[in-house]
């Protein structure tokens, strides 16, 4: 009987260690799954319109056109996305960053891009900022749940979801504008 009791105790210890290792592996698996899901959302996954699909082949001559009862042009929405993304990303990364004044700091002054280079630069900057947020979320060294020290309760997870949500909303507006313009 003594031998059986020792085996049971040994099994119990092994099980406890195994359970902890399994728990750690499960947590790691859940962490990766969450990161992958947030990145999927940032890329416009699921029921959301994707950035590139929404803006693909947008004629420059229609980038500054307003349609009836819709307050924004494609240029205004594109620049708003860029400015908001920049704000979210810089706040997430830099303690000394100061956000622009609301609302004027988040919208362009003009309804149309000054030229094709400005349109292309804005599209490129949006892609670059989205990719930077994706890298931040993908980095396992970044605690998605930790409060950002210079914020007032925000986390990287919250900021990434805010960016995904904000983009989805305005890309939806761009999609409706695209349809209204017959693109």
C-alpha atoms as a PDB file:
ATOM      1  CA  UNK A   1       0.000   0.000   0.000  1.00  0.00           C
ATOM      2  CA  UNK A   2       2.789   2.422   0.793  1.00  0.00           C
ATOM      3  CA  UNK A   3       4.115   2.035  -2.711  1.00  0.00           C
ATOM      4  CA  UNK A   4       0.711   2.724  -4.220  1.00  0.00           C
ATOM      5  CA  UNK A   5       0.328   5.859  -2.060  1.00  0.00           C
ATOM      6  CA  UNK A   6       3.708   7.155  -3.213  1.00  0.00           C
ATOM      7  CA  UNK A   7       2.741   6.558  -6.848  1.00  0.00           C
ATOM      8  CA  UNK A   8      -0.522   8.401  -6.286  1.00  0.00           C
ATOM      9  CA  UNK A   9       1.321  11.338  -4.738  1.00  0.00           C
ATOM     10  CA  UNK A  10       3.814  11.347  -7.584  1.00  0.00           C
ATOM     11  CA  UNK A  11       0.989  11.210 -10.102  1.00  0.00           C
ATOM     12  CA  UNK A  12      -0.722  14.070  -8.302  1.00  0.00           C
ATOM     13  CA  UNK A  13       2.430  16.172  -8.497  1.00  0.00           C
ATOM     14  CA  UNK A  14       2.886  15.368 -12.157  1.00  0.00           C
ATOM     15  CA  UNK A  15      -0.719  16.233 -12.861  1.00  0.00           C
ATOM     16  CA  UNK A  16      -0.396  19.559 -11.029  1.00  0.00           C
ATOM     17  CA  UNK A  17       2.720  20.435 -13.003  1.00  0.00           C
ATOM     18  CA  UNK A  18       1.088  19.256 -16.195  1.00  0.00           C
ATOM     19  CA  UNK A  19      -2.032  21.289 -15.437  1.00  0.00           C
ATOM     20  CA  UNK A  20       0.049  24.426 -14.856  1.00  0.00           C
ATOM     21  CA  UNK A  21       1.926  23.867 -18.087  1.00  0.00           C
ATOM     22  CA  UNK A  22      -1.370  23.264 -19.850  1.00  0.00           C
ATOM     23  CA  UNK A  23      -2.804  26.417 -18.259  1.00  0.00           C
ATOM     24  CA  UNK A  24       0.203  28.417 -19.433  1.00  0.00           C
ATOM     25  CA  UNK A  25      -0.056  26.950 -22.919  1.00  0.00           C
ATOM     26  CA  UNK A  26      -3.792  27.711 -22.967  1.00  0.00           C
ATOM     27  CA  UNK A  27      -3.154  31.306 -21.883  1.00  0.00           C
ATOM     28  CA  UNK A  28      -0.478  31.660 -24.523  1.00  0.00           C
ATOM     29  CA  UNK A  29      -2.820  30.183 -27.110  1.00  0.00           C
ATOM     30  CA  UNK A  30      -5.637  32.552 -26.080  1.00  0.00           C
ATOM     31  CA  UNK A  31      -3.240  35.516 -26.152  1.00  0.00           C
ATOM     32  CA  UNK A  32      -2.133  34.645 -29.678  1.00  0.00           C
ATOM     33  CA  UNK A  33      -5.740  34.084 -30.760  1.00  0.00           C
ATOM     34  CA  UNK A  34      -6.732  37.505 -29.408  1.00  0.00           C
ATOM     35  CA  UNK A  35      -3.786  39.191 -31.123  1.00  0.00           C
ATOM     36  CA  UNK A  36      -4.612  37.431 -34.403  1.00  0.00           C
ATOM     37  CA  UNK A  37      -8.271  38.449 -34.119  1.00  0.00           C
ATOM     38  CA  UNK A  38      -7.434  42.112 -33.469  1.00  0.00           C
ATOM     39  CA  UNK A  39      -5.031  42.137 -36.418  1.00  0.00           C
ATOM     40  CA  UNK A  40      -7.768  40.556 -38.553  1.00  0.00           C
ATOM     41  CA  UNK A  41     -10.081  43.435 -37.553  1.00  0.00           C
ATOM     42  CA  UNK A  42      -7.402  46.050 -38.223  1.00  0.00           C
ATOM     43  CA  UNK A  43      -7.022  44.629 -41.723  1.00  0.00           C
ATOM     44  CA  UNK A  44     -10.756  45.003 -42.317  1.00  0.00           C
ATOM     45  CA  UNK A  45     -11.590  41.347 -41.755  1.00  0.00           C
ATOM     46  CA  UNK A  46     -15.005  39.892 -41.118  1.00  0.00           C
ATOM     47  CA  UNK A  47     -17.995  41.969 -42.101  1.00  0.00           C
ATOM     48  CA  UNK A  48     -15.901  45.115 -42.554  1.00  0.00           C
ATOM     49  CA  UNK A  49     -14.863  46.755 -45.796  1.00  0.00           C
ATOM     50  CA  UNK A  50     -11.114  46.560 -46.318  1.00  0.00           C
ATOM     51  CA  UNK A  51      -9.027  49.691 -46.837  1.00  0.00           C
ATOM     52  CA  UNK A  52      -7.566  48.715 -50.213  1.00  0.00           C
ATOM     53  CA  UNK A  53     -10.836  47.324 -51.561  1.00  0.00           C
ATOM     54  CA  UNK A  54     -12.675  50.495 -50.595  1.00  0.00           C
ATOM     55  CA  UNK A  55     -10.159  52.878 -52.178  1.00  0.00           C
ATOM     56  CA  UNK A  56      -9.084  50.758 -55.159  1.00  0.00           C
ATOM     57  CA  UNK A  57      -9.210  52.685 -58.448  1.00  0.00           C
ATOM     58  CA  UNK A  58     -10.837  55.754 -56.898  1.00  0.00           C
ATOM     59  CA  UNK A  59     -10.712  58.387 -59.662  1.00  0.00           C
ATOM     60  CA  UNK A  60      -8.817  61.446 -58.455  1.00  0.00           C
ATOM     61  CA  UNK A  61     -11.335  63.745 -60.148  1.00  0.00           C
ATOM     62  CA  UNK A  62     -14.034  62.328 -57.815  1.00  0.00           C
ATOM     63  CA  UNK A  63     -11.957  62.524 -54.616  1.00  0.00           C
ATOM     64  CA  UNK A  64     -13.256  66.029 -53.864  1.00  0.00           C
ATOM     65  CA  UNK A  65     -16.883  65.562 -54.949  1.00  0.00           C
ATOM     66  CA  UNK A  66     -19.716  65.796 -52.422  1.00  0.00           C
ATOM     67  CA  UNK A  67     -23.032  64.038 -52.992  1.00  0.00           C
ATOM     68  CA  UNK A  68     -26.433  65.288 -51.851  1.00  0.00           C
ATOM     69  CA  UNK A  69     -27.002  65.180 -48.074  1.00  0.00           C
ATOM     70  CA  UNK A  70     -23.563  63.677 -47.405  1.00  0.00           C
ATOM     71  CA  UNK A  71     -21.156  66.072 -45.653  1.00  0.00           C
ATOM     72  CA  UNK A  72     -17.811  64.563 -46.656  1.00  0.00           C
ATOM     73  CA  UNK A  73     -15.781  63.876 -49.770  1.00  0.00           C
ATOM     74  CA  UNK A  74     -13.513  60.881 -50.244  1.00  0.00           C
ATOM     75  CA  UNK A  75     -10.516  63.131 -49.579  1.00  0.00           C
ATOM     76  CA  UNK A  76     -11.994  64.407 -46.323  1.00  0.00           C
ATOM     77  CA  UNK A  77     -12.701  60.869 -45.110  1.00  0.00           C
ATOM     78  CA  UNK A  78      -9.308  59.527 -46.192  1.00  0.00           C
ATOM     79  CA  UNK A  79      -7.486  62.338 -44.437  1.00  0.00           C
ATOM     80  CA  UNK A  80      -9.680  61.973 -41.351  1.00  0.00           C
ATOM     81  CA  UNK A  81      -8.803  58.273 -41.179  1.00  0.00           C
ATOM     82  CA  UNK A  82      -5.108  59.129 -41.543  1.00  0.00           C
ATOM     83  CA  UNK A  83      -5.156  61.867 -38.923  1.00  0.00           C
ATOM     84  CA  UNK A  84      -7.119  59.773 -36.416  1.00  0.00           C
ATOM     85  CA  UNK A  85      -4.900  56.722 -36.947  1.00  0.00           C
ATOM     86  CA  UNK A  86      -1.806  58.847 -36.459  1.00  0.00           C
ATOM     87  CA  UNK A  87      -3.230  60.217 -33.232  1.00  0.00           C
ATOM     88  CA  UNK A  88      -4.154  56.761 -31.898  1.00  0.00           C
ATOM     89  CA  UNK A  89      -0.800  55.256 -32.860  1.00  0.00           C
ATOM     90  CA  UNK A  90       1.347  58.092 -31.524  1.00  0.00           C
ATOM     91  CA  UNK A  91      -0.598  58.197 -28.261  1.00  0.00           C
ATOM     92  CA  UNK A  92      -0.039  54.437 -27.935  1.00  0.00           C
ATOM     93  CA  UNK A  93       3.714  54.731 -28.456  1.00  0.00           C
ATOM     94  CA  UNK A  94       4.902  58.097 -27.151  1.00  0.00           C
ATOM     95  CA  UNK A  95       4.454  59.517 -23.674  1.00  0.00           C
ATOM     96  CA  UNK A  96       5.070  63.113 -24.735  1.00  0.00           C
ATOM     97  CA  UNK A  97       2.671  63.035 -27.693  1.00  0.00           C
ATOM     98  CA  UNK A  98       0.005  65.745 -27.674  1.00  0.00           C
ATOM     99  CA  UNK A  99      -3.207  65.084 -29.596  1.00  0.00           C
ATOM    100  CA  UNK A 100      -4.475  67.691 -32.048  1.00  0.00           C
ATOM    101  CA  UNK A 101      -7.350  69.972 -31.098  1.00  0.00           C
ATOM    102  CA  UNK A 102     -10.790  68.423 -31.619  1.00  0.00           C
ATOM    103  CA  UNK A 103     -12.389  68.498 -34.142  1.00  0.00           C
ATOM    104  CA  UNK A 104     -10.347  70.714 -36.456  1.00  0.00           C
ATOM    105  CA  UNK A 105      -7.128  68.752 -35.948  1.00  0.00           C
ATOM    106  CA  UNK A 106      -8.778  65.596 -37.265  1.00  0.00           C
ATOM    107  CA  UNK A 107     -10.166  66.867 -40.565  1.00  0.00           C
ATOM    108  CA  UNK A 108      -8.444  68.337 -43.631  1.00  0.00           C
ATOM    109  CA  UNK A 109      -8.937  71.998 -44.486  1.00  0.00           C
ATOM    110  CA  UNK A 110      -9.839  71.293 -48.104  1.00  0.00           C
ATOM    111  CA  UNK A 111     -12.546  69.110 -49.644  1.00  0.00           C
ATOM    112  CA  UNK A 112     -10.220  67.824 -52.387  1.00  0.00           C
ATOM    113  CA  UNK A 113      -6.611  66.704 -52.519  1.00  0.00           C
ATOM    114  CA  UNK A 114      -4.293  69.334 -53.999  1.00  0.00           C
ATOM    115  CA  UNK A 115      -2.887  66.739 -56.408  1.00  0.00           C
ATOM    116  CA  UNK A 116      -2.446  63.029 -57.046  1.00  0.00           C
ATOM    117  CA  UNK A 117       0.757  62.946 -54.988  1.00  0.00           C
ATOM    118  CA  UNK A 118      -1.156  64.140 -51.896  1.00  0.00           C
ATOM    119  CA  UNK A 119      -3.826  61.460 -52.403  1.00  0.00           C
ATOM    120  CA  UNK A 120      -1.196  58.748 -52.828  1.00  0.00           C
ATOM    121  CA  UNK A 121       0.780  60.007 -49.815  1.00  0.00           C
ATOM    122  CA  UNK A 122      -2.341  59.881 -47.636  1.00  0.00           C
ATOM    123  CA  UNK A 123      -3.195  56.345 -48.799  1.00  0.00           C
ATOM    124  CA  UNK A 124       0.413  55.266 -48.150  1.00  0.00           C
ATOM    125  CA  UNK A 125       0.477  56.853 -44.691  1.00  0.00           C
ATOM    126  CA  UNK A 126      -2.786  55.102 -43.750  1.00  0.00           C
ATOM    127  CA  UNK A 127      -1.341  51.745 -44.753  1.00  0.00           C
ATOM    128  CA  UNK A 128       1.894  52.425 -42.864  1.00  0.00           C
ATOM    129  CA  UNK A 129       0.059  53.431 -39.666  1.00  0.00           C
ATOM    130  CA  UNK A 130      -2.246  50.385 -39.820  1.00  0.00           C
ATOM    131  CA  UNK A 131       0.778  48.125 -40.240  1.00  0.00           C
ATOM    132  CA  UNK A 132       2.516  49.808 -37.304  1.00  0.00           C
ATOM    133  CA  UNK A 133      -0.515  49.132 -35.082  1.00  0.00           C
ATOM    134  CA  UNK A 134      -0.615  45.533 -36.344  1.00  0.00           C
ATOM    135  CA  UNK A 135       3.054  45.110 -35.368  1.00  0.00           C
ATOM    136  CA  UNK A 136       2.394  46.605 -31.940  1.00  0.00           C
ATOM    137  CA  UNK A 137      -0.508  44.193 -31.360  1.00  0.00           C
ATOM    138  CA  UNK A 138       1.464  41.214 -32.713  1.00  0.00           C
ATOM    139  CA  UNK A 139       4.434  41.828 -30.401  1.00  0.00           C
ATOM    140  CA  UNK A 140       4.135  39.277 -27.548  1.00  0.00           C
ATOM    141  CA  UNK A 141       6.255  41.587 -25.351  1.00  0.00           C
ATOM    142  CA  UNK A 142       3.451  44.170 -25.441  1.00  0.00           C
ATOM    143  CA  UNK A 143       0.889  43.619 -22.699  1.00  0.00           C
ATOM    144  CA  UNK A 144      -2.395  44.369 -24.447  1.00  0.00           C
ATOM    145  CA  UNK A 145      -4.189  44.759 -21.095  1.00  0.00           C
ATOM    146  CA  UNK A 146      -1.719  47.016 -19.285  1.00  0.00           C
ATOM    147  CA  UNK A 147      -2.801  50.597 -18.864  1.00  0.00           C
ATOM    148  CA  UNK A 148      -0.760  52.992 -20.965  1.00  0.00           C
ATOM    149  CA  UNK A 149       1.205  54.884 -18.279  1.00  0.00           C
ATOM    150  CA  UNK A 150       0.598  58.346 -19.777  1.00  0.00           C
ATOM    151  CA  UNK A 151      -3.103  57.742 -20.416  1.00  0.00           C
ATOM    152  CA  UNK A 152      -6.113  57.685 -18.166  1.00  0.00           C
ATOM    153  CA  UNK A 153      -7.023  54.024 -18.360  1.00  0.00           C
ATOM    154  CA  UNK A 154      -6.426  53.259 -22.029  1.00  0.00           C
ATOM    155  CA  UNK A 155      -4.695  50.030 -23.065  1.00  0.00           C
ATOM    156  CA  UNK A 156      -3.061  48.977 -26.325  1.00  0.00           C
ATOM    157  CA  UNK A 157      -5.985  46.595 -26.824  1.00  0.00           C
ATOM    158  CA  UNK A 158      -8.461  49.456 -26.468  1.00  0.00           C
ATOM    159  CA  UNK A 159      -6.474  51.690 -28.843  1.00  0.00           C
ATOM    160  CA  UNK A 160      -6.190  48.934 -31.474  1.00  0.00           C
ATOM    161  CA  UNK A 161      -9.927  48.209 -31.249  1.00  0.00           C
ATOM    162  CA  UNK A 162     -10.638  51.937 -31.430  1.00  0.00           C
ATOM    163  CA  UNK A 163      -8.583  52.169 -34.625  1.00  0.00           C
ATOM    164  CA  UNK A 164     -10.327  49.144 -36.151  1.00  0.00           C
ATOM    165  CA  UNK A 165     -13.772  50.463 -35.174  1.00  0.00           C
ATOM    166  CA  UNK A 166     -13.079  54.001 -36.385  1.00  0.00           C
ATOM    167  CA  UNK A 167     -11.705  52.749 -39.696  1.00  0.00           C
ATOM    168  CA  UNK A 168     -14.648  50.390 -40.220  1.00  0.00           C
ATOM    169  CA  UNK A 169     -17.106  53.233 -39.710  1.00  0.00           C
ATOM    170  CA  UNK A 170     -15.424  55.624 -42.127  1.00  0.00           C
ATOM    171  CA  UNK A 171     -14.577  52.951 -44.700  1.00  0.00           C
ATOM    172  CA  UNK A 172     -18.285  52.135 -44.684  1.00  0.00           C
ATOM    173  CA  UNK A 173     -18.977  55.797 -45.405  1.00  0.00           C
ATOM    174  CA  UNK A 174     -16.453  55.694 -48.243  1.00  0.00           C
ATOM    175  CA  UNK A 175     -18.123  52.591 -49.640  1.00  0.00           C
ATOM    176  CA  UNK A 176     -21.498  54.365 -49.640  1.00  0.00           C
ATOM    177  CA  UNK A 177     -19.912  57.418 -51.242  1.00  0.00           C
ATOM    178  CA  UNK A 178     -18.327  55.178 -53.858  1.00  0.00           C
ATOM    179  CA  UNK A 179     -21.740  53.699 -54.723  1.00  0.00           C
ATOM    180  CA  UNK A 180     -23.388  57.135 -54.758  1.00  0.00           C
ATOM    181  CA  UNK A 181     -20.736  58.389 -57.196  1.00  0.00           C
ATOM    182  CA  UNK A 182     -21.149  55.310 -59.404  1.00  0.00           C
ATOM    183  CA  UNK A 183     -17.562  54.110 -59.002  1.00  0.00           C
END
